[in-house]
């Protein structure tokens, strides 16, 4: 990875449209392996309200990964340890972006004294989260815009004495 410059930063106002495009493209390309076109369209609709998305991004305050100065992924960590969004651009997968974002979230959790991280993880992302030490607590069917999708409630214990690590 020596020829690649990976940097992490907090989102900045003005990033919202690019973050939405990354999420949209990832769902409609990568997650499309595990979900139908209708499920992907419900999860990431073409007609998303940009004002609502802007408010959501500001509320989640994500970390943004850039690879060689280009948006490569983003992830957030809420006050209670919930990871609401975790996306890597399709062309950046397998290049350390997800690992760097997860290490950032785990370090932030440790700094905040959180005892656990948890997320509602897609079929597609489940192996990555498992590799990072998360375990499945439940499989669930969720309804988004009247379309049902399967995902997993996954959890990572990060209390005192638990080593903080991410996929090596």
Protein backbone atom coordinates (compact mmCIF):
# COMPACT_ATOMS: atom_id res chain seq x y z
CA UNK A 1 0.00 0.00 0.00
CA UNK A 2 3.05 2.25 -0.08
CA UNK A 3 2.02 3.83 -3.38
CA UNK A 4 -1.42 4.76 -2.00
CA UNK A 5 -2.03 7.74 0.27
CA UNK A 6 -4.96 6.96 2.59
CA UNK A 7 -6.15 9.74 4.89
CA UNK A 8 -9.04 9.98 7.32
CA UNK A 9 -10.82 13.16 8.31
CA UNK A 10 -14.17 14.32 9.64
CA UNK A 11 -16.80 15.21 7.04
CA UNK A 12 -17.03 18.85 6.04
CA UNK A 13 -20.10 20.80 4.93
CA UNK A 14 -20.23 20.36 1.19
CA UNK A 15 -19.31 16.63 1.33
CA UNK A 16 -22.94 15.50 1.47
CA UNK A 17 -23.60 15.04 -2.26
CA UNK A 18 -20.36 13.08 -2.74
CA UNK A 19 -21.12 10.89 0.30
CA UNK A 20 -24.60 10.15 -1.08
CA UNK A 21 -23.15 9.26 -4.49
CA UNK A 22 -20.65 6.89 -2.86
CA UNK A 23 -23.40 5.23 -0.80
CA UNK A 24 -25.74 5.02 -3.80
CA UNK A 25 -23.10 3.56 -6.15
CA UNK A 26 -21.87 1.07 -3.55
CA UNK A 27 -25.37 -0.23 -2.82
CA UNK A 28 -26.28 -0.46 -6.51
CA UNK A 29 -23.03 -2.21 -7.49
CA UNK A 30 -21.49 -4.09 -4.54
CA UNK A 31 -24.61 -4.81 -2.46
CA UNK A 32 -26.47 -5.75 -5.65
CA UNK A 33 -24.79 -9.19 -5.36
CA UNK A 34 -26.88 -9.95 -2.28
CA UNK A 35 -29.99 -7.82 -2.75
CA UNK A 36 -32.49 -7.43 -5.60
CA UNK A 37 -32.75 -4.31 -7.73
CA UNK A 38 -35.97 -3.42 -5.89
CA UNK A 39 -34.26 -3.81 -2.51
CA UNK A 40 -31.32 -1.64 -3.60
CA UNK A 41 -33.68 1.00 -4.98
CA UNK A 42 -35.55 1.12 -1.65
CA UNK A 43 -32.31 1.31 0.32
CA UNK A 44 -30.73 3.95 -1.93
CA UNK A 45 -33.43 5.68 -3.97
CA UNK A 46 -32.68 7.93 -6.91
CA UNK A 47 -35.03 10.60 -5.57
CA UNK A 48 -33.52 11.11 -2.11
CA UNK A 49 -34.28 14.52 -0.62
CA UNK A 50 -30.88 16.29 -0.51
CA UNK A 51 -31.93 18.50 2.42
CA UNK A 52 -32.87 15.46 4.53
CA UNK A 53 -29.57 13.76 3.58
CA UNK A 54 -27.62 16.92 4.48
CA UNK A 55 -29.30 16.95 7.91
CA UNK A 56 -28.61 13.24 8.39
CA UNK A 57 -24.92 13.61 7.53
CA UNK A 58 -24.55 16.55 9.90
CA UNK A 59 -26.23 14.50 12.63
CA UNK A 60 -24.04 11.44 12.16
CA UNK A 61 -20.76 13.43 11.79
CA UNK A 62 -18.95 10.68 9.83
CA UNK A 63 -15.30 10.02 9.28
CA UNK A 64 -14.34 10.28 5.61
CA UNK A 65 -11.60 8.21 3.98
CA UNK A 66 -9.71 9.60 0.99
CA UNK A 67 -7.39 7.51 -1.14
CA UNK A 68 -4.95 9.61 -3.15
CA UNK A 69 -7.19 12.63 -2.50
CA UNK A 70 -10.35 10.90 -3.80
CA UNK A 71 -13.37 10.01 -1.65
CA UNK A 72 -13.01 6.32 -0.83
CA UNK A 73 -15.41 5.66 2.04
CA UNK A 74 -17.16 6.94 5.13
CA UNK A 75 -18.37 5.64 8.46
CA UNK A 76 -19.87 7.06 11.62
CA UNK A 77 -20.02 6.19 15.30
CA UNK A 78 -22.96 7.40 17.35
CA UNK A 79 -22.75 8.27 21.07
CA UNK A 80 -24.14 4.88 22.15
CA UNK A 81 -21.74 2.86 19.95
CA UNK A 82 -24.09 2.47 16.98
CA UNK A 83 -22.48 2.45 13.54
CA UNK A 84 -25.21 3.82 11.26
CA UNK A 85 -23.23 4.06 8.02
CA UNK A 86 -20.16 2.16 6.85
CA UNK A 87 -19.47 2.36 3.11
CA UNK A 88 -16.39 1.92 0.92
CA UNK A 89 -16.40 2.89 -2.74
CA UNK A 90 -16.61 -0.11 -5.04
CA UNK A 91 -13.27 0.61 -6.72
CA UNK A 92 -11.54 1.03 -3.33
CA UNK A 93 -12.63 -2.23 -1.72
CA UNK A 94 -9.79 -4.52 -0.70
CA UNK A 95 -7.38 -1.59 -0.46
CA UNK A 96 -7.41 -1.00 3.31
CA UNK A 97 -10.11 1.68 3.36
CA UNK A 98 -12.61 -0.34 5.42
CA UNK A 99 -9.89 -1.51 7.79
CA UNK A 100 -8.72 2.09 8.37
CA UNK A 101 -12.28 3.31 8.97
CA UNK A 102 -12.99 0.46 11.40
CA UNK A 103 -9.76 1.13 13.30
CA UNK A 104 -10.79 4.79 13.56
CA UNK A 105 -14.23 3.85 14.91
CA UNK A 106 -12.71 1.42 17.42
CA UNK A 107 -10.19 4.02 18.60
CA UNK A 108 -12.98 6.58 18.98
CA UNK A 109 -15.05 4.05 20.94
CA UNK A 110 -12.12 3.34 23.23
CA UNK A 111 -11.50 7.07 23.77
CA UNK A 112 -15.17 7.55 24.68
CA UNK A 113 -15.12 4.58 27.06
CA UNK A 114 -17.77 2.66 25.13
CA UNK A 115 -18.23 -0.98 26.10
CA UNK A 116 -19.57 -2.07 22.71
CA UNK A 117 -20.07 -1.18 19.09
CA UNK A 118 -23.11 -2.41 17.20
CA UNK A 119 -24.62 -2.06 13.76
CA UNK A 120 -27.31 -3.36 11.44
CA UNK A 121 -25.05 -5.01 8.88
CA UNK A 122 -25.93 -6.02 5.33
CA UNK A 123 -25.49 -9.53 3.97
CA UNK A 124 -22.63 -8.11 1.90
CA UNK A 125 -20.77 -6.49 4.81
CA UNK A 126 -21.27 -9.31 7.31
CA UNK A 127 -17.99 -11.16 6.48
CA UNK A 128 -15.97 -7.93 6.86
CA UNK A 129 -17.57 -7.13 10.22
CA UNK A 130 -16.98 -10.71 11.40
CA UNK A 131 -13.33 -10.42 10.35
CA UNK A 132 -13.14 -7.28 12.53
CA UNK A 133 -14.37 -9.21 15.57
CA UNK A 134 -18.09 -8.49 15.44
CA UNK A 135 -20.54 -11.28 16.20
CA UNK A 136 -24.10 -11.73 14.94
CA UNK A 137 -26.65 -11.15 17.71
CA UNK A 138 -29.72 -11.49 15.46
CA UNK A 139 -30.85 -11.80 11.88
CA UNK A 140 -33.69 -9.46 11.05
CA UNK A 141 -36.03 -8.47 8.27
CA UNK A 142 -36.38 -4.70 7.94
CA UNK A 143 -38.83 -2.78 5.84
CA UNK A 144 -37.56 0.21 3.87
CA UNK A 145 -40.07 2.02 1.68
CA UNK A 146 -42.35 -1.05 1.84
CA UNK A 147 -39.57 -3.40 0.67
CA UNK A 148 -38.16 -6.05 3.02
CA UNK A 149 -34.40 -6.58 3.38
CA UNK A 150 -32.45 -9.03 5.52
CA UNK A 151 -29.64 -7.74 7.69
CA UNK A 152 -27.88 -8.64 10.93
CA UNK A 153 -27.60 -6.98 14.30
CA UNK A 154 -23.87 -7.35 14.97
CA UNK A 155 -21.91 -6.38 18.05
CA UNK A 156 -18.31 -5.89 19.10
CA UNK A 157 -17.36 -5.91 22.79
CA UNK A 158 -14.76 -3.21 23.47
CA UNK A 159 -14.82 -2.89 27.21
CA UNK A 160 -11.82 -2.74 29.54
CA UNK A 161 -9.37 -5.54 28.91
CA UNK A 162 -10.74 -6.25 25.42
CA UNK A 163 -8.16 -5.63 22.73
CA UNK A 164 -9.21 -3.10 20.12
CA UNK A 165 -8.40 -4.47 16.69
CA UNK A 166 -9.63 -4.49 13.16
CA UNK A 167 -9.08 -6.78 10.21
CA UNK A 168 -5.37 -7.24 9.71
